Amino acid sequence: PEEMVAIIVSMGFQRNQAIQAFKATNNNLEHALDWIFSHPDCEEEGEVASSEVENQAVGNSSAAATAEAGADGPRIRDGHGRYELIAFISHMGKSTMCGHYVCHIKKEGRW
């Protein structure tokens, strides 16, 4: 599920977290995101363990994605790296399936 791994990575999570989450949730995107939020300690695992999980979960699709990207790297540009936070969403509840989502927006310099 290389496309689904890319979706989670684009949200700012580590690639190895995404792969572990998909492996633990039978490749279900919504459950994988919930799994990542429920297992924050898994982010700190070493690169050796993450590369083993990646090889098991993704297999040859990882090699195909690397070949597509080419020697110069991926064709995606993410800007200059200078951003200002203007809004974020927080969640209060036991899981992503229940609780309350609140949007916080910065307006005229105030939250």
PDB file of N, CA and C in Angstrom:
ATOM      1  N   PRO A   1       0.825  -1.210   0.000  1.00  0.00           N
ATOM      2  CA  PRO A   1       0.000   0.000   0.000  1.00  0.00           C
ATOM      3  C   PRO A   1       0.857   1.257   0.000  1.00  0.00           C
ATOM      4  N   GLU A   2       1.718   1.397  -0.992  1.00  0.00           N
ATOM      5  CA  GLU A   2       2.656   2.520  -1.031  1.00  0.00           C
ATOM      6  C   GLU A   2       1.934   3.866  -1.038  1.00  0.00           C
ATOM      7  N   GLU A   3       0.819   3.961  -1.749  1.00  0.00           N
ATOM      8  CA  GLU A   3       0.077   5.225  -1.797  1.00  0.00           C
ATOM      9  C   GLU A   3      -0.436   5.604  -0.415  1.00  0.00           C
ATOM     10  N   MET A   4      -0.912   4.610   0.337  1.00  0.00           N
ATOM     11  CA  MET A   4      -1.432   4.894   1.681  1.00  0.00           C
ATOM     12  C   MET A   4      -0.298   5.269   2.633  1.00  0.00           C
ATOM     13  N   VAL A   5       0.865   4.660   2.475  1.00  0.00           N
ATOM     14  CA  VAL A   5       2.029   5.040   3.294  1.00  0.00           C
ATOM     15  C   VAL A   5       2.383   6.487   2.995  1.00  0.00           C
ATOM     16  N   ALA A   6       2.352   6.870   1.725  1.00  0.00           N
ATOM     17  CA  ALA A   6       2.667   8.246   1.333  1.00  0.00           C
ATOM     18  C   ALA A   6       1.673   9.238   1.945  1.00  0.00           C
ATOM     19  N   ILE A   7       0.409   8.848   2.045  1.00  0.00           N
ATOM     20  CA  ILE A   7      -0.597   9.726   2.650  1.00  0.00           C
ATOM     21  C   ILE A   7      -0.241  10.015   4.102  1.00  0.00           C
ATOM     22  N   ILE A   8       0.107   8.976   4.853  1.00  0.00           N
ATOM     23  CA  ILE A   8       0.439   9.166   6.273  1.00  0.00           C
ATOM     24  C   ILE A   8       1.741   9.940   6.425  1.00  0.00           C
ATOM     25  N   VAL A   9       2.729   9.657   5.590  1.00  0.00           N
ATOM     26  CA  VAL A   9       4.002  10.388   5.646  1.00  0.00           C
ATOM     27  C   VAL A   9       3.764  11.865   5.334  1.00  0.00           C
ATOM     28  N   SER A  10       2.844  12.165   4.388  1.00  0.00           N
ATOM     29  CA  SER A  10       2.561  13.563   4.054  1.00  0.00           C
ATOM     30  C   SER A  10       1.913  14.320   5.211  1.00  0.00           C
ATOM     31  N   MET A  11       1.365  13.587   6.181  1.00  0.00           N
ATOM     32  CA  MET A  11       0.781  14.209   7.372  1.00  0.00           C
ATOM     33  C   MET A  11       1.834  14.510   8.433  1.00  0.00           C
ATOM     34  N   GLY A  12       3.078  14.128   8.160  1.00  0.00           N
ATOM     35  CA  GLY A  12       4.161  14.451   9.083  1.00  0.00           C
ATOM     36  C   GLY A  12       4.636  13.297   9.943  1.00  0.00           C
ATOM     37  N   PHE A  13       4.113  12.105   9.716  1.00  0.00           N
ATOM     38  CA  PHE A  13       4.535  10.947  10.489  1.00  0.00           C
ATOM     39  C   PHE A  13       5.716  10.261   9.806  1.00  0.00           C
ATOM     40  N   GLN A  14       6.460   9.484  10.583  1.00  0.00           N
ATOM     41  CA  GLN A  14       7.603   8.748  10.052  1.00  0.00           C
ATOM     42  C   GLN A  14       7.125   7.583   9.181  1.00  0.00           C
ATOM     43  N   ARG A  15       7.893   7.269   8.161  1.00  0.00           N
ATOM     44  CA  ARG A  15       7.558   6.173   7.254  1.00  0.00           C
ATOM     45  C   ARG A  15       7.438   4.845   8.008  1.00  0.00           C
ATOM     46  N   ASN A  16       8.382   4.594   8.930  1.00  0.00           N
ATOM     47  CA  ASN A  16       8.331   3.326   9.664  1.00  0.00           C
ATOM     48  C   ASN A  16       7.084   3.241  10.554  1.00  0.00           C
ATOM     49  N   GLN A  17       6.602   4.389  11.068  1.00  0.00           N
ATOM     50  CA  GLN A  17       5.365   4.395  11.847  1.00  0.00           C
ATOM     51  C   GLN A  17       4.190   3.988  10.966  1.00  0.00           C
ATOM     52  N   ALA A  18       4.147   4.546   9.768  1.00  0.00           N
ATOM     53  CA  ALA A  18       3.049   4.239   8.846  1.00  0.00           C
ATOM     54  C   ALA A  18       3.035   2.754   8.499  1.00  0.00           C
ATOM     55  N   ILE A  19       4.192   2.208   8.230  1.00  0.00           N
ATOM     56  CA  ILE A  19       4.286   0.792   7.849  1.00  0.00           C
ATOM     57  C   ILE A  19       3.874  -0.100   9.013  1.00  0.00           C
ATOM     58  N   GLN A  20       4.334   0.228  10.222  1.00  0.00           N
ATOM     59  CA  GLN A  20       3.943  -0.546  11.401  1.00  0.00           C
ATOM     60  C   GLN A  20       2.435  -0.471  11.613  1.00  0.00           C
ATOM     61  N   ALA A  21       1.876   0.724  11.426  1.00  0.00           N
ATOM     62  CA  ALA A  21       0.442   0.910  11.634  1.00  0.00           C
ATOM     63  C   ALA A  21      -0.370   0.098  10.625  1.00  0.00           C
ATOM     64  N   PHE A  22       0.037   0.099   9.367  1.00  0.00           N
ATOM     65  CA  PHE A  22      -0.683  -0.682   8.363  1.00  0.00           C
ATOM     66  C   PHE A  22      -0.563  -2.175   8.626  1.00  0.00           C
ATOM     67  N   LYS A  23       0.592  -2.584   9.076  1.00  0.00           N
ATOM     68  CA  LYS A  23       0.776  -4.006   9.388  1.00  0.00           C
ATOM     69  C   LYS A  23      -0.130  -4.417  10.553  1.00  0.00           C
ATOM     70  N   ALA A  24      -0.254  -3.537  11.544  1.00  0.00           N
ATOM     71  CA  ALA A  24      -1.053  -3.849  12.730  1.00  0.00           C
ATOM     72  C   ALA A  24      -2.558  -3.763  12.473  1.00  0.00           C
ATOM     73  N   THR A  25      -2.969  -3.064  11.400  1.00  0.00           N
ATOM     74  CA  THR A  25      -4.401  -2.828  11.165  1.00  0.00           C
ATOM     75  C   THR A  25      -4.893  -3.409   9.841  1.00  0.00           C
ATOM     76  N   ASN A  26      -4.158  -4.349   9.307  1.00  0.00           N
ATOM     77  CA  ASN A  26      -4.569  -5.017   8.065  1.00  0.00           C
ATOM     78  C   ASN A  26      -4.798  -4.014   6.924  1.00  0.00           C
ATOM     79  N   ASN A  27      -3.876  -3.048   6.810  1.00  0.00           N
ATOM     80  CA  ASN A  27      -3.865  -2.048   5.733  1.00  0.00           C
ATOM     81  C   ASN A  27      -5.108  -1.159   5.680  1.00  0.00           C
ATOM     82  N   ASN A  28      -5.688  -0.842   6.831  1.00  0.00           N
ATOM     83  CA  ASN A  28      -6.850   0.044   6.900  1.00  0.00           C
ATOM     84  C   ASN A  28      -6.349   1.442   7.262  1.00  0.00           C
ATOM     85  N   LEU A  29      -6.551   2.413   6.365  1.00  0.00           N
ATOM     86  CA  LEU A  29      -6.002   3.754   6.549  1.00  0.00           C
ATOM     87  C   LEU A  29      -6.526   4.429   7.822  1.00  0.00           C
ATOM     88  N   GLU A  30      -7.821   4.413   8.026  1.00  0.00           N
ATOM     89  CA  GLU A  30      -8.402   5.073   9.202  1.00  0.00           C
ATOM     90  C   GLU A  30      -7.916   4.424  10.495  1.00  0.00           C
ATOM     91  N   HIS A  31      -7.905   3.103  10.540  1.00  0.00           N
ATOM     92  CA  HIS A  31      -7.431   2.403  11.737  1.00  0.00           C
ATOM     93  C   HIS A  31      -5.931   2.600  11.935  1.00  0.00           C
ATOM     94  N   ALA A  32      -5.188   2.704  10.835  1.00  0.00           N
ATOM     95  CA  ALA A  32      -3.744   2.926  10.941  1.00  0.00           C
ATOM     96  C   ALA A  32      -3.453   4.276  11.595  1.00  0.00           C
ATOM     97  N   LEU A  33      -4.196   5.298  11.214  1.00  0.00           N
ATOM     98  CA  LEU A  33      -4.009   6.615  11.844  1.00  0.00           C
ATOM     99  C   LEU A  33      -4.355   6.566  13.326  1.00  0.00           C
ATOM    100  N   ASP A  34      -5.423   5.891  13.662  1.00  0.00           N
ATOM    101  CA  ASP A  34      -5.794   5.728  15.064  1.00  0.00           C
ATOM    102  C   ASP A  34      -4.704   4.966  15.816  1.00  0.00           C
ATOM    103  N   TRP A  35      -4.137   3.956  15.177  1.00  0.00           N
ATOM    104  CA  TRP A  35      -3.072   3.156  15.791  1.00  0.00           C
ATOM    105  C   TRP A  35      -1.856   4.032  16.071  1.00  0.00           C
ATOM    106  N   ILE A  36      -1.500   4.901  15.140  1.00  0.00           N
ATOM    107  CA  ILE A  36      -0.336   5.786  15.333  1.00  0.00           C
ATOM    108  C   ILE A  36      -0.550   6.693  16.544  1.00  0.00           C
ATOM    109  N   PHE A  37      -1.746   7.267  16.666  1.00  0.00           N
ATOM    110  CA  PHE A  37      -2.031   8.145  17.804  1.00  0.00           C
ATOM    111  C   PHE A  37      -2.094   7.362  19.114  1.00  0.00           C
ATOM    112  N   SER A  38      -2.450   6.100  19.039  1.00  0.00           N
ATOM    113  CA  SER A  38      -2.557   5.266  20.237  1.00  0.00           C
ATOM    114  C   SER A  38      -1.232   4.655  20.659  1.00  0.00           C
ATOM    115  N   HIS A  39      -0.214   4.722  19.802  1.00  0.00           N
ATOM    116  CA  HIS A  39       1.097   4.123  20.078  1.00  0.00           C
ATOM    117  C   HIS A  39       2.218   5.138  19.850  1.00  0.00           C
ATOM    118  N   PRO A  40       2.238   6.240  20.590  1.00  0.00           N
ATOM    119  CA  PRO A  40       3.285   7.246  20.358  1.00  0.00           C
ATOM    120  C   PRO A  40       4.681   6.744  20.710  1.00  0.00           C
ATOM    121  N   ASP A  41       4.779   5.734  21.571  1.00  0.00           N
ATOM    122  CA  ASP A  41       6.081   5.198  21.959  1.00  0.00           C
ATOM    123  C   ASP A  41       6.755   4.462  20.806  1.00  0.00           C
ATOM    124  N   CYS A  42       6.018   4.029  19.805  1.00  0.00           N
ATOM    125  CA  CYS A  42       6.595   3.301  18.676  1.00  0.00           C
ATOM    126  C   CYS A  42       7.409   4.210  17.775  1.00  0.00           C
ATOM    127  N   GLU A  43       7.252   5.525  17.902  1.00  0.00           N
ATOM    128  CA  GLU A  43       8.002   6.478  17.094  1.00  0.00           C
ATOM    129  C   GLU A  43       9.495   6.439  17.421  1.00  0.00           C
ATOM    130  N   GLU A  44       9.830   6.049  18.638  1.00  0.00           N
ATOM    131  CA  GLU A  44      11.206   6.121  19.100  1.00  0.00           C
ATOM    132  C   GLU A  44      12.027   4.876  18.796  1.00  0.00           C
ATOM    133  N   GLU A  45      11.455   3.895  18.089  1.00  0.00           N
ATOM    134  CA  GLU A  45      12.199   2.673  17.802  1.00  0.00           C
ATOM    135  C   GLU A  45      13.352   2.962  16.849  1.00  0.00           C
ATOM    136  N   GLY A  46      14.365   2.119  16.902  1.00  0.00           N
ATOM    137  CA  GLY A  46      15.550   2.323  16.087  1.00  0.00           C
ATOM    138  C   GLY A  46      15.331   2.059  14.616  1.00  0.00           C
ATOM    139  N   GLU A  47      16.276   2.534  13.788  1.00  0.00           N
ATOM    140  CA  GLU A  47      16.153   2.380  12.350  1.00  0.00           C
ATOM    141  C   GLU A  47      16.311   0.934  11.910  1.00  0.00           C
ATOM    142  N   VAL A  48      17.026   0.128  12.659  1.00  0.00           N
ATOM    143  CA  VAL A  48      17.201  -1.274  12.291  1.00  0.00           C
ATOM    144  C   VAL A  48      15.861  -1.988  12.318  1.00  0.00           C
ATOM    145  N   ALA A  49      15.097  -1.798  13.377  1.00  0.00           N
ATOM    146  CA  ALA A  49      13.786  -2.433  13.485  1.00  0.00           C
ATOM    147  C   ALA A  49      12.846  -1.904  12.415  1.00  0.00           C
ATOM    148  N   SER A  50      12.907  -0.609  12.138  1.00  0.00           N
ATOM    149  CA  SER A  50      11.994  -0.046  11.146  1.00  0.00           C
ATOM    150  C   SER A  50      12.301  -0.550   9.749  1.00  0.00           C
ATOM    151  N   SER A  51      13.564  -0.755   9.433  1.00  0.00           N
ATOM    152  CA  SER A  51      13.879  -1.266   8.102  1.00  0.00           C
ATOM    153  C   SER A  51      13.439  -2.714   7.946  1.00  0.00           C
ATOM    154  N   GLU A  52      13.488  -3.490   9.036  1.00  0.00           N
ATOM    155  CA  GLU A  52      12.991  -4.871   8.973  1.00  0.00           C
ATOM    156  C   GLU A  52      11.494  -4.886   8.759  1.00  0.00           C
ATOM    157  N   VAL A  53      10.765  -4.032   9.469  1.00  0.00           N
ATOM    158  CA  VAL A  53       9.313  -3.959   9.311  1.00  0.00           C
ATOM    159  C   VAL A  53       8.967  -3.500   7.903  1.00  0.00           C
ATOM    160  N   GLU A  54       9.712  -2.530   7.393  1.00  0.00           N
ATOM    161  CA  GLU A  54       9.449  -2.019   6.044  1.00  0.00           C
ATOM    162  C   GLU A  54       9.622  -3.110   5.005  1.00  0.00           C
ATOM    163  N   ASN A  55      10.674  -3.898   5.144  1.00  0.00           N
ATOM    164  CA  ASN A  55      10.901  -4.976   4.188  1.00  0.00           C
ATOM    165  C   ASN A  55       9.787  -6.005   4.237  1.00  0.00           C
ATOM    166  N   GLN A  56       9.266  -6.301   5.418  1.00  0.00           N
ATOM    167  CA  GLN A  56       8.201  -7.287   5.551  1.00  0.00           C
ATOM    168  C   GLN A  56       6.871  -6.744   5.052  1.00  0.00           C
ATOM    169  N   ALA A  57       6.537  -5.501   5.393  1.00  0.00           N
ATOM    170  CA  ALA A  57       5.211  -4.963   5.098  1.00  0.00           C
ATOM    171  C   ALA A  57       5.067  -4.476   3.661  1.00  0.00           C
ATOM    172  N   VAL A  58       6.095  -3.820   3.134  1.00  0.00           N
ATOM    173  CA  VAL A  58       5.976  -3.195   1.838  1.00  0.00           C
ATOM    174  C   VAL A  58       6.547  -4.059   0.727  1.00  0.00           C
ATOM    175  N   GLY A  59       7.626  -4.755   1.001  1.00  0.00           N
ATOM    176  CA  GLY A  59       8.209  -5.652   0.003  1.00  0.00           C
ATOM    177  C   GLY A  59       8.741  -4.897  -1.190  1.00  0.00           C
ATOM    178  N   ASN A  60       8.404  -5.364  -2.356  1.00  0.00           N
ATOM    179  CA  ASN A  60       8.954  -4.816  -3.586  1.00  0.00           C
ATOM    180  C   ASN A  60       8.367  -3.470  -3.976  1.00  0.00           C
ATOM    181  N   SER A  61       7.229  -3.071  -3.440  1.00  0.00           N
ATOM    182  CA  SER A  61       6.639  -1.793  -3.818  1.00  0.00           C
ATOM    183  C   SER A  61       7.544  -0.635  -3.413  1.00  0.00           C
ATOM    184  N   SER A  62       8.322  -0.813  -2.346  1.00  0.00           N
ATOM    185  CA  SER A  62       9.259   0.219  -1.932  1.00  0.00           C
ATOM    186  C   SER A  62      10.352   0.418  -2.982  1.00  0.00           C
ATOM    187  N   ALA A  63      10.844  -0.673  -3.529  1.00  0.00           N
ATOM    188  CA  ALA A  63      11.869  -0.587  -4.561  1.00  0.00           C
ATOM    189  C   ALA A  63      11.311   0.075  -5.810  1.00  0.00           C
ATOM    190  N   ALA A  64      10.062  -0.217  -6.152  1.00  0.00           N
ATOM    191  CA  ALA A  64       9.443   0.385  -7.328  1.00  0.00           C
ATOM    192  C   ALA A  64       9.286   1.890  -7.136  1.00  0.00           C
ATOM    193  N   ALA A  65       8.908   2.318  -5.936  1.00  0.00           N
ATOM    194  CA  ALA A  65       8.741   3.745  -5.666  1.00  0.00           C
ATOM    195  C   ALA A  65      10.077   4.467  -5.737  1.00  0.00           C
ATOM    196  N   THR A  66      11.146   3.823  -5.257  1.00  0.00           N
ATOM    197  CA  THR A  66      12.472   4.421  -5.319  1.00  0.00           C
ATOM    198  C   THR A  66      12.911   4.563  -6.765  1.00  0.00           C
ATOM    199  N   ALA A  67      12.654   3.549  -7.576  1.00  0.00           N
ATOM    200  CA  ALA A  67      13.026   3.606  -8.987  1.00  0.00           C
ATOM    201  C   ALA A  67      12.256   4.718  -9.694  1.00  0.00           C
ATOM    202  N   GLU A  68      10.983   4.924  -9.335  1.00  0.00           N
ATOM    203  CA  GLU A  68      10.178   5.982  -9.926  1.00  0.00           C
ATOM    204  C   GLU A  68      10.730   7.348  -9.579  1.00  0.00           C
ATOM    205  N   ALA A  69      11.235   7.503  -8.355  1.00  0.00           N
ATOM    206  CA  ALA A  69      11.730   8.792  -7.904  1.00  0.00           C
ATOM    207  C   ALA A  69      12.993   9.188  -8.646  1.00  0.00           C
ATOM    208  N   GLY A  70      13.787   8.224  -9.077  1.00  0.00           N
ATOM    209  CA  GLY A  70      15.002   8.512  -9.806  1.00  0.00           C
ATOM    210  C   GLY A  70      16.156   8.840  -8.883  1.00  0.00           C
ATOM    211  N   ALA A  71      17.326   9.024  -9.474  1.00  0.00           N
ATOM    212  CA  ALA A  71      18.538   9.283  -8.708  1.00  0.00           C
ATOM    213  C   ALA A  71      18.520  10.670  -8.074  1.00  0.00           C
ATOM    214  N   ASP A  72      17.775  11.595  -8.654  1.00  0.00           N
ATOM    215  CA  ASP A  72      17.731  12.955  -8.135  1.00  0.00           C
ATOM    216  C   ASP A  72      16.773  13.115  -6.970  1.00  0.00           C
ATOM    217  N   GLY A  73      16.061  12.058  -6.602  1.00  0.00           N
ATOM    218  CA  GLY A  73      15.107  12.123  -5.510  1.00  0.00           C
ATOM    219  C   GLY A  73      13.702  12.308  -6.032  1.00  0.00           C
ATOM    220  N   PRO A  74      12.743  12.455  -5.127  1.00  0.00           N
ATOM    221  CA  PRO A  74      11.356  12.580  -5.553  1.00  0.00           C
ATOM    222  C   PRO A  74      11.119  13.885  -6.302  1.00  0.00           C
ATOM    223  N   ARG A  75      10.060  13.907  -7.097  1.00  0.00           N
ATOM    224  CA  ARG A  75       9.740  15.081  -7.908  1.00  0.00           C
ATOM    225  C   ARG A  75       8.847  16.070  -7.169  1.00  0.00           C
ATOM    226  N   ILE A  76       8.653  15.889  -5.894  1.00  0.00           N
ATOM    227  CA  ILE A  76       7.765  16.745  -5.110  1.00  0.00           C
ATOM    228  C   ILE A  76       8.584  17.810  -4.398  1.00  0.00           C
ATOM    229  N   ARG A  77       8.159  19.060  -4.510  1.00  0.00           N
ATOM    230  CA  ARG A  77       8.810  20.148  -3.786  1.00  0.00           C
ATOM    231  C   ARG A  77       7.872  20.599  -2.688  1.00  0.00           C
ATOM    232  N   ASP A  78       8.429  20.895  -1.542  1.00  0.00           N
ATOM    233  CA  ASP A  78       7.626  21.237  -0.378  1.00  0.00           C
ATOM    234  C   ASP A  78       7.856  22.671   0.073  1.00  0.00           C
ATOM    235  N   GLY A  79       8.247  23.536  -0.805  1.00  0.00           N
ATOM    236  CA  GLY A  79       8.433  24.930  -0.431  1.00  0.00           C
ATOM    237  C   GLY A  79       9.794  25.187   0.190  1.00  0.00           C
ATOM    238  N   HIS A  80       9.929  26.356   0.769  1.00  0.00           N
ATOM    239  CA  HIS A  80      11.209  26.805   1.313  1.00  0.00           C
ATOM    240  C   HIS A  80      11.425  26.406   2.769  1.00  0.00           C
ATOM    241  N   GLY A  81      10.436  25.816   3.398  1.00  0.00           N
ATOM    242  CA  GLY A  81      10.594  25.388   4.783  1.00  0.00           C
ATOM    243  C   GLY A  81      10.309  26.469   5.799  1.00  0.00           C
ATOM    244  N   ARG A  82       9.732  27.584   5.379  1.00  0.00           N
ATOM    245  CA  ARG A  82       9.395  28.663   6.303  1.00  0.00           C
ATOM    246  C   ARG A  82       7.887  28.843   6.281  1.00  0.00           C
ATOM    247  N   TYR A  83       7.246  28.383   7.330  1.00  0.00           N
ATOM    248  CA  TYR A  83       5.796  28.417   7.411  1.00  0.00           C
ATOM    249  C   TYR A  83       5.362  29.079   8.704  1.00  0.00           C
ATOM    250  N   GLU A  84       4.154  29.577   8.715  1.00  0.00           N
ATOM    251  CA  GLU A  84       3.569  30.130   9.930  1.00  0.00           C
ATOM    252  C   GLU A  84       2.273  29.390  10.202  1.00  0.00           C
ATOM    253  N   LEU A  85       2.143  28.896  11.413  1.00  0.00           N
ATOM    254  CA  LEU A  85       0.937  28.172  11.799  1.00  0.00           C
ATOM    255  C   LEU A  85      -0.219  29.157  11.933  1.00  0.00           C
ATOM    256  N   ILE A  86      -1.316  28.885  11.214  1.00  0.00           N
ATOM    257  CA  ILE A  86      -2.472  29.770  11.300  1.00  0.00           C
ATOM    258  C   ILE A  86      -3.697  29.053  11.846  1.00  0.00           C
ATOM    259  N   ALA A  87      -3.657  27.702  11.882  1.00  0.00           N
ATOM    260  CA  ALA A  87      -4.791  26.958  12.418  1.00  0.00           C
ATOM    261  C   ALA A  87      -4.358  25.536  12.727  1.00  0.00           C
ATOM    262  N   PHE A  88      -5.072  24.905  13.645  1.00  0.00           N
ATOM    263  CA  PHE A  88      -4.863  23.487  13.923  1.00  0.00           C
ATOM    264  C   PHE A  88      -6.138  22.930  14.532  1.00  0.00           C
ATOM    265  N   ILE A  89      -6.262  21.617  14.474  1.00  0.00           N
ATOM    266  CA  ILE A  89      -7.433  20.933  15.023  1.00  0.00           C
ATOM    267  C   ILE A  89      -6.973  20.054  16.169  1.00  0.00           C
ATOM    268  N   SER A  90      -7.670  20.145  17.286  1.00  0.00           N
ATOM    269  CA  SER A  90      -7.356  19.284  18.432  1.00  0.00           C
ATOM    270  C   SER A  90      -8.530  18.345  18.664  1.00  0.00           C
ATOM    271  N   HIS A  91      -8.248  17.251  19.341  1.00  0.00           N
ATOM    272  CA  HIS A  91      -9.276  16.246  19.605  1.00  0.00           C
ATOM    273  C   HIS A  91      -9.293  15.931  21.089  1.00  0.00           C
ATOM    274  N   MET A  92     -10.496  15.818  21.635  1.00  0.00           N
ATOM    275  CA  MET A  92     -10.662  15.407  23.023  1.00  0.00           C
ATOM    276  C   MET A  92     -11.567  14.185  23.022  1.00  0.00           C
ATOM    277  N   GLY A  93     -11.038  13.044  23.420  1.00  0.00           N
ATOM    278  CA  GLY A  93     -11.823  11.832  23.451  1.00  0.00           C
ATOM    279  C   GLY A  93     -10.934  10.610  23.523  1.00  0.00           C
ATOM    280  N   LYS A  94     -11.563   9.441  23.649  1.00  0.00           N
ATOM    281  CA  LYS A  94     -10.820   8.189  23.801  1.00  0.00           C
ATOM    282  C   LYS A  94     -10.160   7.742  22.512  1.00  0.00           C
ATOM    283  N   SER A  95     -10.786   8.009  21.361  1.00  0.00           N
ATOM    284  CA  SER A  95     -10.215   7.594  20.077  1.00  0.00           C
ATOM    285  C   SER A  95     -10.712   8.549  19.002  1.00  0.00           C
ATOM    286  N   THR A  96     -10.241   8.338  17.778  1.00  0.00           N
ATOM    287  CA  THR A  96     -10.681   9.189  16.675  1.00  0.00           C
ATOM    288  C   THR A  96     -12.129   8.939  16.318  1.00  0.00           C
ATOM    289  N   MET A  97     -12.691   7.830  16.797  1.00  0.00           N
ATOM    290  CA  MET A  97     -14.080   7.483  16.492  1.00  0.00           C
ATOM    291  C   MET A  97     -15.090   8.217  17.382  1.00  0.00           C
ATOM    292  N   CYS A  98     -14.636   8.704  18.538  1.00  0.00           N
ATOM    293  CA  CYS A  98     -15.572   9.398  19.425  1.00  0.00           C
ATOM    294  C   CYS A  98     -14.848  10.541  20.120  1.00  0.00           C
ATOM    295  N   GLY A  99     -15.605  11.529  20.517  1.00  0.00           N
ATOM    296  CA  GLY A  99     -15.031  12.689  21.180  1.00  0.00           C
ATOM    297  C   GLY A  99     -15.410  13.954  20.435  1.00  0.00           C
ATOM    298  N   HIS A 100     -14.674  15.020  20.693  1.00  0.00           N
ATOM    299  CA  HIS A 100     -14.947  16.319  20.080  1.00  0.00           C
ATOM    300  C   HIS A 100     -13.699  16.832  19.388  1.00  0.00           C
ATOM    301  N   TYR A 101     -13.866  17.349  18.184  1.00  0.00           N
ATOM    302  CA  TYR A 101     -12.793  18.001  17.448  1.00  0.00           C
ATOM    303  C   TYR A 101     -13.015  19.507  17.546  1.00  0.00           C
ATOM    304  N   VAL A 102     -11.935  20.247  17.803  1.00  0.00           N
ATOM    305  CA  VAL A 102     -12.017  21.694  17.944  1.00  0.00           C
ATOM    306  C   VAL A 102     -10.993  22.320  17.005  1.00  0.00           C
ATOM    307  N   CYS A 103     -11.437  23.294  16.218  1.00  0.00           N
ATOM    308  CA  CYS A 103     -10.540  24.005  15.310  1.00  0.00           C
ATOM    309  C   CYS A 103     -10.081  25.298  15.985  1.00  0.00           C
ATOM    310  N   HIS A 104      -8.772  25.518  16.037  1.00  0.00           N
ATOM    311  CA  HIS A 104      -8.189  26.720  16.625  1.00  0.00           C
ATOM    312  C   HIS A 104      -7.602  27.539  15.471  1.00  0.00           C
ATOM    313  N   ILE A 105      -8.049  28.768  15.311  1.00  0.00           N
ATOM    314  CA  ILE A 105      -7.620  29.606  14.196  1.00  0.00           C
ATOM    315  C   ILE A 105      -7.006  30.893  14.728  1.00  0.00           C
ATOM    316  N   LYS A 106      -5.855  31.248  14.172  1.00  0.00           N
ATOM    317  CA  LYS A 106      -5.191  32.492  14.553  1.00  0.00           C
ATOM    318  C   LYS A 106      -5.745  33.616  13.668  1.00  0.00           C
ATOM    319  N   LYS A 107      -6.335  34.627  14.317  1.00  0.00           N
ATOM    320  CA  LYS A 107      -6.928  35.735  13.584  1.00  0.00           C
ATOM    321  C   LYS A 107      -6.452  37.033  14.200  1.00  0.00           C
ATOM    322  N   GLU A 108      -5.874  37.882  13.379  1.00  0.00           N
ATOM    323  CA  GLU A 108      -5.339  39.172  13.823  1.00  0.00           C
ATOM    324  C   GLU A 108      -4.357  38.988  14.977  1.00  0.00           C
ATOM    325  N   GLY A 109      -3.526  37.951  14.870  1.00  0.00           N
ATOM    326  CA  GLY A 109      -2.495  37.709  15.854  1.00  0.00           C
ATOM    327  C   GLY A 109      -2.953  37.031  17.141  1.00  0.00           C
ATOM    328  N   ARG A 110      -4.229  36.684  17.242  1.00  0.00           N
ATOM    329  CA  ARG A 110      -4.769  36.048  18.463  1.00  0.00           C
ATOM    330  C   ARG A 110      -5.370  34.705  18.133  1.00  0.00           C
ATOM    331  N   TRP A 111      -5.258  33.760  19.068  1.00  0.00           N
ATOM    332  CA  TRP A 111      -5.849  32.419  18.885  1.00  0.00           C
ATOM    333  C   TRP A 111      -7.241  32.418  19.456  1.00  0.00           C
TER     334      TRP A 111
END
